[in-house]
Amino acid sequence: MMAKCPICHRNETVEQYKPFCSRRCADVDLQRWFSGSYAIPAEEAEIDEKDRGIE
């Protein structure tokens, strides 16, 4: 079974643009990263007063 393109879900991937089917789909993915559409959730760490230099 061939993998489908994660952007258009229609075409099989092409070795040159893997895991995408074309340059267009690779560029769409890159633009999503640049625009912030993709985000990795993170928790903000609590900063102790000692870490800030306050005593």
N, C-alpha and C. Protein backbone atom coordinates (compact mmCIF):
# COMPACT_ATOMS: atom_id res chain seq x y z
N MET A 1 0.85 -1.18 0.00
CA MET A 1 0.00 0.00 0.00
C MET A 1 0.90 1.25 0.00
N MET A 2 0.64 2.14 -0.90
CA MET A 2 1.43 3.37 -1.01
C MET A 2 0.86 4.43 -0.06
N ALA A 3 1.77 5.24 0.47
CA ALA A 3 1.35 6.32 1.37
C ALA A 3 0.71 7.45 0.57
N LYS A 4 -0.30 8.06 1.15
CA LYS A 4 -0.96 9.20 0.53
C LYS A 4 -0.34 10.49 1.05
N CYS A 5 -0.43 11.52 0.26
CA CYS A 5 0.09 12.84 0.62
C CYS A 5 -0.68 13.37 1.83
N PRO A 6 0.02 13.85 2.88
CA PRO A 6 -0.68 14.36 4.06
C PRO A 6 -1.38 15.71 3.84
N ILE A 7 -1.11 16.38 2.75
CA ILE A 7 -1.75 17.66 2.47
C ILE A 7 -3.01 17.49 1.62
N CYS A 8 -2.89 16.87 0.47
CA CYS A 8 -4.05 16.74 -0.42
C CYS A 8 -4.80 15.41 -0.26
N HIS A 9 -4.17 14.42 0.33
CA HIS A 9 -4.76 13.10 0.60
C HIS A 9 -5.23 12.37 -0.67
N ARG A 10 -4.87 12.88 -1.83
CA ARG A 10 -5.32 12.25 -3.06
C ARG A 10 -4.23 11.45 -3.74
N ASN A 11 -3.05 12.00 -3.77
CA ASN A 11 -1.98 11.42 -4.57
C ASN A 11 -1.00 10.61 -3.73
N GLU A 12 -0.33 9.70 -4.40
CA GLU A 12 0.73 8.94 -3.75
C GLU A 12 1.96 9.83 -3.63
N THR A 13 2.78 9.56 -2.63
CA THR A 13 3.98 10.37 -2.43
C THR A 13 4.99 10.15 -3.55
N VAL A 14 5.82 11.15 -3.76
CA VAL A 14 6.86 11.10 -4.77
C VAL A 14 8.18 11.16 -4.03
N GLU A 15 9.13 10.32 -4.38
CA GLU A 15 10.40 10.23 -3.68
C GLU A 15 11.08 11.59 -3.51
N GLN A 16 11.06 12.41 -4.53
CA GLN A 16 11.73 13.71 -4.49
C GLN A 16 11.12 14.64 -3.42
N TYR A 17 9.82 14.53 -3.17
CA TYR A 17 9.13 15.43 -2.24
C TYR A 17 8.57 14.70 -1.02
N LYS A 18 9.00 13.51 -0.79
CA LYS A 18 8.48 12.67 0.28
C LYS A 18 8.46 13.42 1.59
N PRO A 19 7.42 13.42 2.36
CA PRO A 19 6.21 12.59 2.28
C PRO A 19 5.07 13.21 1.47
N PHE A 20 5.38 14.18 0.62
CA PHE A 20 4.36 14.86 -0.16
C PHE A 20 4.34 14.33 -1.59
N CYS A 21 3.30 14.74 -2.34
CA CYS A 21 3.17 14.26 -3.71
C CYS A 21 3.75 15.24 -4.72
N SER A 22 3.98 16.49 -4.29
CA SER A 22 4.45 17.50 -5.23
C SER A 22 5.12 18.64 -4.48
N ARG A 23 5.77 19.50 -5.23
CA ARG A 23 6.39 20.70 -4.65
C ARG A 23 5.32 21.60 -4.04
N ARG A 24 4.17 21.67 -4.68
CA ARG A 24 3.08 22.50 -4.19
C ARG A 24 2.66 22.07 -2.79
N CYS A 25 2.45 20.78 -2.57
CA CYS A 25 2.03 20.30 -1.25
C CYS A 25 3.14 20.50 -0.22
N ALA A 26 4.39 20.34 -0.62
CA ALA A 26 5.51 20.60 0.30
C ALA A 26 5.53 22.07 0.69
N ASP A 27 5.27 22.96 -0.25
CA ASP A 27 5.25 24.40 0.03
C ASP A 27 4.06 24.77 0.92
N VAL A 28 2.92 24.14 0.72
CA VAL A 28 1.75 24.38 1.57
C VAL A 28 2.09 24.02 3.01
N ASP A 29 2.74 22.89 3.21
CA ASP A 29 3.13 22.46 4.55
C ASP A 29 4.12 23.46 5.17
N LEU A 30 5.10 23.89 4.41
CA LEU A 30 6.08 24.85 4.91
C LEU A 30 5.41 26.16 5.31
N GLN A 31 4.48 26.63 4.50
CA GLN A 31 3.76 27.87 4.82
C GLN A 31 2.95 27.72 6.10
N ARG A 32 2.39 26.55 6.33
CA ARG A 32 1.64 26.33 7.57
C ARG A 32 2.55 26.44 8.79
N TRP A 33 3.77 25.95 8.67
CA TRP A 33 4.73 26.09 9.77
C TRP A 33 5.09 27.55 9.97
N PHE A 34 5.38 28.26 8.88
CA PHE A 34 5.76 29.68 8.98
C PHE A 34 4.65 30.55 9.56
N SER A 35 3.41 30.25 9.22
CA SER A 35 2.30 31.09 9.68
C SER A 35 1.84 30.74 11.09
N GLY A 36 2.35 29.66 11.65
CA GLY A 36 1.96 29.27 13.00
C GLY A 36 0.74 28.38 13.05
N SER A 37 0.31 27.86 11.92
CA SER A 37 -0.84 26.96 11.91
C SER A 37 -0.53 25.68 12.67
N TYR A 38 0.71 25.26 12.62
CA TYR A 38 1.14 24.10 13.39
C TYR A 38 1.79 24.63 14.66
N ALA A 39 1.50 24.03 15.76
CA ALA A 39 2.11 24.46 17.01
C ALA A 39 2.32 23.25 17.90
N ILE A 40 3.39 23.27 18.63
CA ILE A 40 3.68 22.22 19.58
C ILE A 40 3.29 22.76 20.95
N PRO A 41 2.33 22.12 21.61
CA PRO A 41 1.89 22.62 22.90
C PRO A 41 3.02 22.56 23.93
N ALA A 42 3.09 23.57 24.75
CA ALA A 42 4.13 23.60 25.78
C ALA A 42 3.55 24.21 27.05
N GLU A 43 4.10 23.77 28.15
CA GLU A 43 3.71 24.34 29.43
C GLU A 43 4.78 25.32 29.86
N GLU A 44 4.35 26.47 30.34
CA GLU A 44 5.31 27.44 30.81
C GLU A 44 5.84 27.00 32.17
N ALA A 45 7.14 27.07 32.32
CA ALA A 45 7.76 26.68 33.59
C ALA A 45 7.58 27.79 34.61
N GLU A 46 7.36 27.38 35.84
CA GLU A 46 7.29 28.36 36.91
C GLU A 46 8.70 28.81 37.25
N ILE A 47 8.86 30.10 37.42
CA ILE A 47 10.18 30.65 37.73
C ILE A 47 10.21 31.00 39.21
N ASP A 48 11.15 30.40 39.90
CA ASP A 48 11.32 30.70 41.33
C ASP A 48 11.94 32.08 41.48
N GLU A 49 11.68 32.69 42.61
CA GLU A 49 12.28 33.99 42.88
C GLU A 49 13.80 33.91 42.86
N LYS A 50 14.36 32.76 43.29
CA LYS A 50 15.81 32.59 43.26
C LYS A 50 16.34 32.64 41.84
N ASP A 51 15.59 32.10 40.89
CA ASP A 51 16.01 32.08 39.49
C ASP A 51 16.01 33.48 38.88
N ARG A 52 15.16 34.36 39.39
CA ARG A 52 15.08 35.74 38.88
C ARG A 52 16.09 36.66 39.56
N GLY A 53 16.78 36.16 40.55
CA GLY A 53 17.75 36.99 41.26
C GLY A 53 17.14 37.78 42.40
N ILE A 54 15.90 37.47 42.74
CA ILE A 54 15.24 38.14 43.85
C ILE A 54 15.37 37.26 45.08
N GLU A 55 15.77 37.86 46.17
CA GLU A 55 15.93 37.05 47.39
C GLU A 55 15.18 37.64 48.53
